[in-house]
Amino acid sequence: MYSSQGEQKKTPYKIDMDPDKALELVKHGASLLLLDVPPSTSFGMDTQVFAVGSNFKGVKMIPPGPHFVYYNAVSRHGNEFSPTTGFFIFPAPSEVIVRQWDPQKERLVKLADSSEVRIQELSSF
């Protein structure tokens, strides 16, 4: 990836994947849409861990089947993390799973069914 000045930009992570497998996951992989997750939150799925940035919206190209999702919220000052919280997902092919950050509970919560249906119609992240 290159910047507008022609410099090579560092990507935060790299996953080596067979091109045929990648195309299959683009077509049939699930998506986990995560709304309003605070920057610097530690987020992980299975064996991959990410530091959430301001543009983080979730994960796509998830193979169907069981996956463990976990996260640690960060304090307002950015120097302390909450205990690890997690949940399992069992996505079907092409399914979009939506969770939203609840700042009062400091955790990801399910949306009401009507909200989730509306987001599935609009989402293409």
N, C-alpha and C. Protein backbone atom coordinates (compact mmCIF):
# COMPACT_ATOMS: atom_id res chain seq x y z
N MET A 1 0.85 -1.16 0.00
CA MET A 1 0.00 0.00 0.00
C MET A 1 0.91 1.23 0.00
N TYR A 2 0.53 2.25 -0.75
CA TYR A 2 1.35 3.44 -0.86
C TYR A 2 0.55 4.69 -0.54
N SER A 3 1.22 5.69 0.03
CA SER A 3 0.58 6.96 0.35
C SER A 3 0.49 7.80 -0.90
N SER A 4 -0.17 8.96 -0.81
CA SER A 4 -0.30 9.86 -1.95
C SER A 4 1.05 10.45 -2.36
N GLN A 5 2.05 10.40 -1.45
CA GLN A 5 3.39 10.90 -1.77
C GLN A 5 4.28 9.80 -2.32
N GLY A 6 3.75 8.61 -2.54
CA GLY A 6 4.52 7.51 -3.11
C GLY A 6 5.31 6.71 -2.10
N GLU A 7 5.15 7.00 -0.78
CA GLU A 7 5.86 6.25 0.24
C GLU A 7 5.08 4.98 0.56
N GLN A 8 5.81 3.92 0.87
CA GLN A 8 5.13 2.70 1.24
C GLN A 8 4.60 2.83 2.66
N LYS A 9 3.30 2.52 2.84
CA LYS A 9 2.67 2.59 4.16
C LYS A 9 2.73 1.20 4.80
N LYS A 10 2.88 1.19 6.11
CA LYS A 10 2.87 -0.08 6.83
C LYS A 10 1.44 -0.45 7.12
N THR A 11 1.09 -1.71 6.86
CA THR A 11 -0.24 -2.20 7.22
C THR A 11 -0.16 -2.77 8.61
N PRO A 12 -1.24 -2.70 9.39
CA PRO A 12 -1.18 -3.17 10.76
C PRO A 12 -1.01 -4.69 10.89
N TYR A 13 -1.40 -5.43 9.90
CA TYR A 13 -1.25 -6.88 9.93
C TYR A 13 -1.32 -7.41 8.52
N LYS A 14 -0.89 -8.64 8.36
CA LYS A 14 -0.92 -9.28 7.05
C LYS A 14 -1.34 -10.73 7.25
N ILE A 15 -2.26 -11.17 6.44
CA ILE A 15 -2.71 -12.56 6.48
C ILE A 15 -2.41 -13.18 5.12
N ASP A 16 -1.60 -14.23 5.14
CA ASP A 16 -1.31 -14.96 3.90
C ASP A 16 -2.45 -15.94 3.65
N MET A 17 -3.05 -15.83 2.45
CA MET A 17 -4.18 -16.68 2.13
C MET A 17 -4.15 -17.03 0.65
N ASP A 18 -4.51 -18.24 0.36
CA ASP A 18 -4.62 -18.70 -1.01
C ASP A 18 -5.63 -17.82 -1.75
N PRO A 19 -5.33 -17.34 -2.96
CA PRO A 19 -6.27 -16.47 -3.68
C PRO A 19 -7.65 -17.08 -3.91
N ASP A 20 -7.72 -18.38 -4.15
CA ASP A 20 -9.03 -19.02 -4.34
C ASP A 20 -9.84 -19.02 -3.05
N LYS A 21 -9.15 -19.25 -1.92
CA LYS A 21 -9.82 -19.23 -0.62
C LYS A 21 -10.31 -17.80 -0.31
N ALA A 22 -9.49 -16.81 -0.62
CA ALA A 22 -9.87 -15.41 -0.39
C ALA A 22 -11.11 -15.05 -1.21
N LEU A 23 -11.15 -15.46 -2.46
CA LEU A 23 -12.31 -15.17 -3.31
C LEU A 23 -13.56 -15.85 -2.76
N GLU A 24 -13.41 -17.07 -2.29
CA GLU A 24 -14.54 -17.80 -1.70
C GLU A 24 -15.07 -17.06 -0.46
N LEU A 25 -14.17 -16.55 0.37
CA LEU A 25 -14.59 -15.84 1.58
C LEU A 25 -15.21 -14.47 1.25
N VAL A 26 -14.74 -13.84 0.18
CA VAL A 26 -15.36 -12.57 -0.25
C VAL A 26 -16.81 -12.84 -0.65
N LYS A 27 -17.04 -13.94 -1.34
CA LYS A 27 -18.39 -14.25 -1.82
C LYS A 27 -19.30 -14.80 -0.72
N HIS A 28 -18.75 -15.64 0.17
CA HIS A 28 -19.60 -16.38 1.11
C HIS A 28 -19.24 -16.19 2.57
N GLY A 29 -18.20 -15.44 2.87
CA GLY A 29 -17.80 -15.24 4.25
C GLY A 29 -18.76 -14.33 4.99
N ALA A 30 -18.81 -14.50 6.29
CA ALA A 30 -19.67 -13.67 7.13
C ALA A 30 -18.95 -12.37 7.48
N SER A 31 -19.71 -11.43 8.04
CA SER A 31 -19.17 -10.15 8.49
C SER A 31 -19.63 -9.90 9.92
N LEU A 32 -18.74 -9.34 10.72
CA LEU A 32 -19.06 -8.93 12.08
C LEU A 32 -18.92 -7.41 12.11
N LEU A 33 -20.04 -6.72 12.11
CA LEU A 33 -20.08 -5.26 12.10
C LEU A 33 -20.13 -4.78 13.55
N LEU A 34 -19.11 -4.02 13.95
CA LEU A 34 -19.00 -3.55 15.33
C LEU A 34 -19.08 -2.03 15.33
N LEU A 35 -20.12 -1.51 15.91
CA LEU A 35 -20.39 -0.07 15.88
C LEU A 35 -19.91 0.63 17.15
N ASP A 36 -19.29 1.78 16.98
CA ASP A 36 -18.92 2.69 18.07
C ASP A 36 -17.92 2.11 19.08
N VAL A 37 -17.07 1.16 18.67
CA VAL A 37 -16.06 0.63 19.58
C VAL A 37 -15.01 1.72 19.81
N PRO A 38 -14.69 2.03 21.07
CA PRO A 38 -13.74 3.11 21.35
C PRO A 38 -12.34 2.79 20.81
N PRO A 39 -11.66 3.79 20.25
CA PRO A 39 -10.27 3.59 19.81
C PRO A 39 -9.40 3.09 20.96
N SER A 40 -8.42 2.30 20.63
CA SER A 40 -7.44 1.69 21.55
C SER A 40 -7.99 0.46 22.28
N THR A 41 -9.26 0.11 22.05
CA THR A 41 -9.78 -1.14 22.61
C THR A 41 -9.03 -2.29 21.98
N SER A 42 -8.70 -3.28 22.77
CA SER A 42 -8.08 -4.49 22.25
C SER A 42 -9.20 -5.43 21.82
N PHE A 43 -9.18 -5.86 20.55
CA PHE A 43 -10.23 -6.70 19.98
C PHE A 43 -9.59 -7.92 19.35
N GLY A 44 -10.19 -9.08 19.56
CA GLY A 44 -9.66 -10.28 18.95
C GLY A 44 -10.73 -11.25 18.51
N MET A 45 -10.36 -12.09 17.55
CA MET A 45 -11.22 -13.18 17.10
C MET A 45 -10.33 -14.38 16.85
N ASP A 46 -10.65 -15.47 17.53
CA ASP A 46 -9.86 -16.69 17.45
C ASP A 46 -8.41 -16.37 17.83
N THR A 47 -7.47 -16.43 16.89
CA THR A 47 -6.06 -16.18 17.22
C THR A 47 -5.56 -14.81 16.77
N GLN A 48 -6.41 -14.00 16.18
CA GLN A 48 -6.01 -12.67 15.69
C GLN A 48 -6.42 -11.60 16.71
N VAL A 49 -5.51 -10.70 17.03
CA VAL A 49 -5.79 -9.61 17.97
C VAL A 49 -5.48 -8.29 17.28
N PHE A 50 -6.34 -7.29 17.49
CA PHE A 50 -6.19 -5.99 16.85
C PHE A 50 -6.29 -4.88 17.90
N ALA A 51 -5.62 -3.78 17.67
CA ALA A 51 -5.82 -2.56 18.45
C ALA A 51 -6.78 -1.71 17.62
N VAL A 52 -7.94 -1.43 18.15
CA VAL A 52 -8.98 -0.72 17.42
C VAL A 52 -8.56 0.72 17.17
N GLY A 53 -8.71 1.15 15.92
CA GLY A 53 -8.45 2.54 15.55
C GLY A 53 -9.77 3.28 15.36
N SER A 54 -9.68 4.54 15.02
CA SER A 54 -10.88 5.36 14.89
C SER A 54 -11.77 4.95 13.72
N ASN A 55 -11.21 4.27 12.72
CA ASN A 55 -12.01 3.84 11.55
C ASN A 55 -12.44 2.39 11.62
N PHE A 56 -12.19 1.72 12.72
CA PHE A 56 -12.52 0.30 12.86
C PHE A 56 -14.03 0.10 12.81
N LYS A 57 -14.48 -0.81 11.96
CA LYS A 57 -15.91 -1.11 11.83
C LYS A 57 -16.21 -2.59 12.01
N GLY A 58 -15.19 -3.42 12.12
CA GLY A 58 -15.42 -4.84 12.31
C GLY A 58 -14.54 -5.69 11.43
N VAL A 59 -14.99 -6.92 11.21
CA VAL A 59 -14.22 -7.92 10.47
C VAL A 59 -15.11 -8.54 9.41
N LYS A 60 -14.54 -8.78 8.23
CA LYS A 60 -15.30 -9.46 7.18
C LYS A 60 -14.50 -10.65 6.69
N MET A 61 -15.08 -11.42 5.78
CA MET A 61 -14.46 -12.62 5.23
C MET A 61 -14.25 -13.68 6.31
N ILE A 62 -15.21 -13.80 7.22
CA ILE A 62 -15.14 -14.77 8.31
C ILE A 62 -15.67 -16.11 7.80
N PRO A 63 -14.89 -17.17 7.91
CA PRO A 63 -15.40 -18.48 7.48
C PRO A 63 -16.61 -18.89 8.32
N PRO A 64 -17.60 -19.53 7.72
CA PRO A 64 -18.74 -20.03 8.50
C PRO A 64 -18.27 -20.99 9.59
N GLY A 65 -19.00 -21.01 10.70
CA GLY A 65 -18.66 -21.91 11.80
C GLY A 65 -18.39 -21.14 13.08
N PRO A 66 -18.00 -21.85 14.14
CA PRO A 66 -17.82 -21.21 15.44
C PRO A 66 -16.54 -20.37 15.52
N HIS A 67 -16.65 -19.22 16.16
CA HIS A 67 -15.51 -18.31 16.39
C HIS A 67 -15.69 -17.67 17.75
N PHE A 68 -14.56 -17.42 18.42
CA PHE A 68 -14.61 -16.73 19.71
C PHE A 68 -14.16 -15.29 19.52
N VAL A 69 -14.99 -14.35 19.93
CA VAL A 69 -14.73 -12.92 19.83
C VAL A 69 -14.48 -12.40 21.24
N TYR A 70 -13.44 -11.59 21.41
CA TYR A 70 -13.12 -11.08 22.75
C TYR A 70 -12.55 -9.68 22.65
N TYR A 71 -12.62 -8.95 23.74
CA TYR A 71 -12.15 -7.56 23.75
C TYR A 71 -11.86 -7.10 25.16
N ASN A 72 -11.05 -6.05 25.26
CA ASN A 72 -10.74 -5.37 26.51
C ASN A 72 -10.95 -3.89 26.27
N ALA A 73 -11.88 -3.31 26.97
CA ALA A 73 -12.09 -1.87 26.85
C ALA A 73 -10.92 -1.15 27.51
N VAL A 74 -10.61 0.04 27.02
CA VAL A 74 -9.52 0.84 27.57
C VAL A 74 -10.11 1.98 28.41
N SER A 75 -9.37 2.40 29.43
CA SER A 75 -9.83 3.50 30.27
C SER A 75 -9.80 4.82 29.50
N ARG A 76 -10.44 5.82 30.04
CA ARG A 76 -10.45 7.14 29.40
C ARG A 76 -9.05 7.69 29.18
N HIS A 77 -8.14 7.35 30.08
CA HIS A 77 -6.77 7.85 29.98
C HIS A 77 -5.88 6.97 29.11
N GLY A 78 -6.40 5.82 28.71
CA GLY A 78 -5.67 4.94 27.80
C GLY A 78 -4.57 4.12 28.45
N ASN A 79 -4.54 4.05 29.78
CA ASN A 79 -3.45 3.33 30.42
C ASN A 79 -3.89 2.08 31.18
N GLU A 80 -5.20 1.77 31.18
CA GLU A 80 -5.70 0.58 31.85
C GLU A 80 -6.74 -0.11 30.97
N PHE A 81 -6.76 -1.45 31.04
CA PHE A 81 -7.75 -2.23 30.29
C PHE A 81 -8.69 -2.94 31.26
N SER A 82 -9.92 -3.12 30.82
CA SER A 82 -10.89 -3.89 31.60
C SER A 82 -10.56 -5.37 31.46
N PRO A 83 -11.18 -6.22 32.29
CA PRO A 83 -11.00 -7.66 32.10
C PRO A 83 -11.49 -8.07 30.71
N THR A 84 -10.96 -9.15 30.21
CA THR A 84 -11.36 -9.65 28.90
C THR A 84 -12.81 -10.12 28.95
N THR A 85 -13.58 -9.68 27.95
CA THR A 85 -14.97 -10.09 27.78
C THR A 85 -15.06 -10.77 26.43
N GLY A 86 -15.84 -11.84 26.33
CA GLY A 86 -15.93 -12.53 25.05
C GLY A 86 -17.25 -13.23 24.85
N PHE A 87 -17.46 -13.66 23.62
CA PHE A 87 -18.66 -14.39 23.25
C PHE A 87 -18.38 -15.20 21.99
N PHE A 88 -19.15 -16.25 21.79
CA PHE A 88 -19.02 -17.07 20.60
C PHE A 88 -20.00 -16.58 19.54
N ILE A 89 -19.59 -16.68 18.29
CA ILE A 89 -20.49 -16.47 17.16
C ILE A 89 -20.47 -17.73 16.30
N PHE A 90 -21.56 -17.99 15.64
CA PHE A 90 -21.69 -19.15 14.76
C PHE A 90 -22.28 -18.67 13.44
N PRO A 91 -21.49 -17.89 12.65
CA PRO A 91 -22.06 -17.29 11.45
C PRO A 91 -22.35 -18.30 10.34
N ALA A 92 -23.43 -18.04 9.65
CA ALA A 92 -23.78 -18.78 8.44
C ALA A 92 -23.10 -18.07 7.26
N PRO A 93 -23.00 -18.73 6.10
CA PRO A 93 -22.42 -18.06 4.93
C PRO A 93 -23.13 -16.74 4.63
N SER A 94 -22.35 -15.70 4.39
CA SER A 94 -22.82 -14.36 4.01
C SER A 94 -23.62 -13.65 5.10
N GLU A 95 -23.64 -14.16 6.30
CA GLU A 95 -24.39 -13.52 7.39
C GLU A 95 -23.67 -12.27 7.88
N VAL A 96 -24.43 -11.27 8.28
CA VAL A 96 -23.89 -10.06 8.89
C VAL A 96 -24.36 -10.05 10.34
N ILE A 97 -23.40 -10.11 11.26
CA ILE A 97 -23.69 -10.06 12.69
C ILE A 97 -23.34 -8.65 13.16
N VAL A 98 -24.26 -8.02 13.90
CA VAL A 98 -24.06 -6.63 14.30
C VAL A 98 -24.05 -6.53 15.82
N ARG A 99 -23.06 -5.83 16.34
CA ARG A 99 -22.99 -5.50 17.77
C ARG A 99 -22.65 -4.01 17.88
N GLN A 100 -23.14 -3.39 18.93
CA GLN A 100 -22.87 -1.96 19.15
C GLN A 100 -22.28 -1.78 20.55
N TRP A 101 -21.34 -0.86 20.64
CA TRP A 101 -20.72 -0.56 21.93
C TRP A 101 -21.70 0.21 22.80
N ASP A 102 -21.91 -0.28 24.01
CA ASP A 102 -22.75 0.41 24.99
C ASP A 102 -21.81 1.09 25.99
N PRO A 103 -21.70 2.43 25.94
CA PRO A 103 -20.74 3.11 26.82
C PRO A 103 -21.11 3.02 28.30
N GLN A 104 -22.37 2.84 28.62
CA GLN A 104 -22.77 2.70 30.02
C GLN A 104 -22.32 1.36 30.59
N LYS A 105 -22.51 0.30 29.81
CA LYS A 105 -22.13 -1.05 30.25
C LYS A 105 -20.70 -1.39 29.90
N GLU A 106 -20.09 -0.59 29.02
CA GLU A 106 -18.74 -0.81 28.51
C GLU A 106 -18.58 -2.21 27.94
N ARG A 107 -19.51 -2.53 27.03
CA ARG A 107 -19.45 -3.83 26.35
C ARG A 107 -20.23 -3.77 25.05
N LEU A 108 -20.02 -4.79 24.22
CA LEU A 108 -20.75 -4.91 22.96
C LEU A 108 -22.09 -5.57 23.24
N VAL A 109 -23.15 -5.01 22.69
CA VAL A 109 -24.50 -5.55 22.90
C VAL A 109 -25.17 -5.79 21.55
N LYS A 110 -26.11 -6.72 21.55
CA LYS A 110 -26.91 -6.97 20.35
C LYS A 110 -27.85 -5.80 20.13
N LEU A 111 -28.17 -5.55 18.88
CA LEU A 111 -29.16 -4.54 18.54
C LEU A 111 -30.54 -5.19 18.50
N ALA A 112 -31.56 -4.37 18.59
CA ALA A 112 -32.92 -4.88 18.41
C ALA A 112 -33.02 -5.47 17.01
N ASP A 113 -33.85 -6.48 16.84
CA ASP A 113 -33.97 -7.16 15.54
C ASP A 113 -34.25 -6.20 14.40
N SER A 114 -35.11 -5.22 14.60
CA SER A 114 -35.44 -4.29 13.52
C SER A 114 -34.23 -3.45 13.14
N SER A 115 -33.40 -3.06 14.11
CA SER A 115 -32.19 -2.28 13.81
C SER A 115 -31.20 -3.13 13.03
N GLU A 116 -31.06 -4.40 13.41
CA GLU A 116 -30.11 -5.28 12.75
C GLU A 116 -30.51 -5.53 11.30
N VAL A 117 -31.79 -5.71 11.05
CA VAL A 117 -32.27 -5.92 9.68
C VAL A 117 -31.96 -4.69 8.84
N ARG A 118 -32.20 -3.51 9.38
CA ARG A 118 -31.95 -2.25 8.65
C ARG A 118 -30.47 -2.10 8.33
N ILE A 119 -29.60 -2.43 9.27
CA ILE A 119 -28.16 -2.32 9.04
C ILE A 119 -27.72 -3.33 8.00
N GLN A 120 -28.29 -4.54 7.99
CA GLN A 120 -27.93 -5.53 6.98
C GLN A 120 -28.27 -5.02 5.59
N GLU A 121 -29.35 -4.27 5.46
CA GLU A 121 -29.72 -3.71 4.17
C GLU A 121 -28.72 -2.65 3.72
N LEU A 122 -28.14 -1.92 4.67
CA LEU A 122 -27.28 -0.79 4.34
C LEU A 122 -25.80 -1.11 4.35
N SER A 123 -25.41 -2.17 5.06
CA SER A 123 -23.97 -2.38 5.29
C SER A 123 -23.26 -2.92 4.06
N SER A 124 -22.14 -2.31 3.81
CA SER A 124 -21.22 -2.80 2.77
C SER A 124 -19.83 -2.31 3.12
N PHE A 125 -19.41 -2.60 4.33
CA PHE A 125 -18.09 -2.12 4.78
C PHE A 125 -17.00 -2.98 4.26
